[in-house]
Amino acid sequence: MIENMVFESGQDPCPTISWCSPEPTGSYRESIEKLISYVESCGYSVEFRNDPYSCCDHADKTIYIQSSLGEKRKYYVLLHEIGHMIYA
């Protein structure tokens, strides 16, 4: 579970992800949608693009995910990039 975090810049904390677990309870697609909603609640967006890299761009507040990945891999990569978003 990710607890509420206050960004170093003094922004409001992101809400808690109480439903998040290492293995999603529904489909990976449903879990990805929940994560995207979480990211948006923190003022960031998620874009899937045809690029060999996934990253969290703090300048434009966007998490970029490689679109060619399978759903399971997208889920875990998005969780990873959310970690970068939180600890910016």
C-alpha atoms as a PDB file:
ATOM      1  CA  MET A   1       0.000   0.000   0.000  1.00  0.00           C
ATOM      2  CA  ILE A   2       1.277   3.460  -0.864  1.00  0.00           C
ATOM      3  CA  GLU A   3       0.647   5.924   1.949  1.00  0.00           C
ATOM      4  CA  ASN A   4      -0.160   9.582   1.359  1.00  0.00           C
ATOM      5  CA  MET A   5       3.001  11.381   0.322  1.00  0.00           C
ATOM      6  CA  VAL A   6       3.754  15.105   0.294  1.00  0.00           C
ATOM      7  CA  PHE A   7       5.890  16.160  -2.651  1.00  0.00           C
ATOM      8  CA  GLU A   8       9.039  18.122  -1.888  1.00  0.00           C
ATOM      9  CA  SER A   9       7.561  21.024  -3.854  1.00  0.00           C
ATOM     10  CA  GLY A  10       4.766  21.262  -1.269  1.00  0.00           C
ATOM     11  CA  GLN A  11       2.008  19.937  -3.534  1.00  0.00           C
ATOM     12  CA  ASP A  12      -0.985  18.181  -2.040  1.00  0.00           C
ATOM     13  CA  PRO A  13      -0.409  14.494  -1.280  1.00  0.00           C
ATOM     14  CA  CYS A  14      -1.646  11.802  -3.600  1.00  0.00           C
ATOM     15  CA  PRO A  15      -4.490   9.685  -2.242  1.00  0.00           C
ATOM     16  CA  THR A  16      -3.754   6.272  -0.764  1.00  0.00           C
ATOM     17  CA  ILE A  17      -3.852   3.237  -3.038  1.00  0.00           C
ATOM     18  CA  SER A  18      -5.515   0.807  -0.630  1.00  0.00           C
ATOM     19  CA  TRP A  19      -6.660  -1.618  -3.360  1.00  0.00           C
ATOM     20  CA  CYS A  20      -3.261  -2.094  -5.000  1.00  0.00           C
ATOM     21  CA  SER A  21      -1.573  -5.476  -4.636  1.00  0.00           C
ATOM     22  CA  PRO A  22       1.318  -7.281  -6.336  1.00  0.00           C
ATOM     23  CA  GLU A  23      -1.200  -9.379  -8.268  1.00  0.00           C
ATOM     24  CA  PRO A  24      -4.382  -7.642  -9.438  1.00  0.00           C
ATOM     25  CA  THR A  25      -7.705  -9.151  -8.424  1.00  0.00           C
ATOM     26  CA  GLY A  26      -9.388  -8.420 -11.776  1.00  0.00           C
ATOM     27  CA  SER A  27      -7.872  -8.278 -15.222  1.00  0.00           C
ATOM     28  CA  TYR A  28      -4.617  -6.440 -15.772  1.00  0.00           C
ATOM     29  CA  ARG A  29      -6.529  -3.996 -18.017  1.00  0.00           C
ATOM     30  CA  GLU A  30      -8.936  -3.147 -15.166  1.00  0.00           C
ATOM     31  CA  SER A  31      -6.032  -2.679 -12.768  1.00  0.00           C
ATOM     32  CA  ILE A  32      -4.198  -0.464 -15.257  1.00  0.00           C
ATOM     33  CA  GLU A  33      -7.313   1.711 -15.527  1.00  0.00           C
ATOM     34  CA  LYS A  34      -7.396   2.062 -11.731  1.00  0.00           C
ATOM     35  CA  LEU A  35      -3.720   3.040 -11.705  1.00  0.00           C
ATOM     36  CA  ILE A  36      -4.327   5.603 -14.457  1.00  0.00           C
ATOM     37  CA  SER A  37      -7.128   7.134 -12.362  1.00  0.00           C
ATOM     38  CA  TYR A  38      -4.731   7.309  -9.430  1.00  0.00           C
ATOM     39  CA  VAL A  39      -2.042   8.993 -11.536  1.00  0.00           C
ATOM     40  CA  GLU A  40      -4.585  11.536 -12.791  1.00  0.00           C
ATOM     41  CA  SER A  41      -5.690  12.273  -9.212  1.00  0.00           C
ATOM     42  CA  CYS A  42      -2.074  13.270  -8.541  1.00  0.00           C
ATOM     43  CA  GLY A  43      -2.064  15.754 -11.429  1.00  0.00           C
ATOM     44  CA  TYR A  44      -0.145  13.554 -13.873  1.00  0.00           C
ATOM     45  CA  SER A  45      -1.275  11.774 -17.029  1.00  0.00           C
ATOM     46  CA  VAL A  46      -0.387   8.425 -18.624  1.00  0.00           C
ATOM     47  CA  GLU A  47       0.431   8.015 -22.293  1.00  0.00           C
ATOM     48  CA  PHE A  48       1.112   4.780 -24.130  1.00  0.00           C
ATOM     49  CA  ARG A  49       3.544   5.356 -26.979  1.00  0.00           C
ATOM     50  CA  ASN A  50       5.550   3.469 -29.545  1.00  0.00           C
ATOM     51  CA  ASP A  51       8.907   4.013 -27.874  1.00  0.00           C
ATOM     52  CA  PRO A  52      11.447   1.516 -26.522  1.00  0.00           C
ATOM     53  CA  TYR A  53      11.434   3.180 -23.078  1.00  0.00           C
ATOM     54  CA  SER A  54       8.952   3.898 -20.324  1.00  0.00           C
ATOM     55  CA  CYS A  55       9.559   6.838 -18.015  1.00  0.00           C
ATOM     56  CA  CYS A  56       8.066   9.414 -15.696  1.00  0.00           C
ATOM     57  CA  ASP A  57       8.606  12.931 -17.046  1.00  0.00           C
ATOM     58  CA  HIS A  58       8.252  15.387 -14.175  1.00  0.00           C
ATOM     59  CA  ALA A  59       8.543  18.430 -16.443  1.00  0.00           C
ATOM     60  CA  ASP A  60       5.325  17.659 -18.325  1.00  0.00           C
ATOM     61  CA  LYS A  61       3.770  15.549 -15.529  1.00  0.00           C
ATOM     62  CA  THR A  62       3.342  12.514 -17.767  1.00  0.00           C
ATOM     63  CA  ILE A  63       4.130   8.851 -17.331  1.00  0.00           C
ATOM     64  CA  TYR A  64       5.032   7.297 -20.676  1.00  0.00           C
ATOM     65  CA  ILE A  65       4.544   3.548 -21.088  1.00  0.00           C
ATOM     66  CA  GLN A  66       5.841   1.473 -23.974  1.00  0.00           C
ATOM     67  CA  SER A  67       2.730   0.470 -25.929  1.00  0.00           C
ATOM     68  CA  SER A  68       4.185  -2.772 -27.297  1.00  0.00           C
ATOM     69  CA  LEU A  69       4.337  -4.375 -23.831  1.00  0.00           C
ATOM     70  CA  GLY A  70       1.788  -6.986 -22.815  1.00  0.00           C
ATOM     71  CA  GLU A  71      -0.893  -6.061 -20.264  1.00  0.00           C
ATOM     72  CA  LYS A  72       0.884  -7.764 -17.353  1.00  0.00           C
ATOM     73  CA  ARG A  73       4.160  -6.004 -18.093  1.00  0.00           C
ATOM     74  CA  LYS A  74       2.383  -2.631 -18.569  1.00  0.00           C
ATOM     75  CA  TYR A  75       0.823  -3.079 -15.109  1.00  0.00           C
ATOM     76  CA  TYR A  76       4.181  -3.614 -13.397  1.00  0.00           C
ATOM     77  CA  VAL A  77       5.976  -0.917 -15.396  1.00  0.00           C
ATOM     78  CA  LEU A  78       3.212   1.562 -14.535  1.00  0.00           C
ATOM     79  CA  LEU A  79       3.568   0.683 -10.823  1.00  0.00           C
ATOM     80  CA  HIS A  80       7.311   1.259 -11.142  1.00  0.00           C
ATOM     81  CA  GLU A  81       6.849   4.644 -12.810  1.00  0.00           C
ATOM     82  CA  ILE A  82       4.280   5.652 -10.162  1.00  0.00           C
ATOM     83  CA  GLY A  83       7.075   5.148  -7.634  1.00  0.00           C
ATOM     84  CA  HIS A  84       9.138   7.719  -9.532  1.00  0.00           C
ATOM     85  CA  MET A  85       6.152  10.066  -9.669  1.00  0.00           C
ATOM     86  CA  ILE A  86       5.613   9.869  -5.903  1.00  0.00           C
ATOM     87  CA  TYR A  87       9.242  10.329  -4.945  1.00  0.00           C
ATOM     88  CA  ALA A  88       9.952  13.196  -7.353  1.00  0.00           C
END
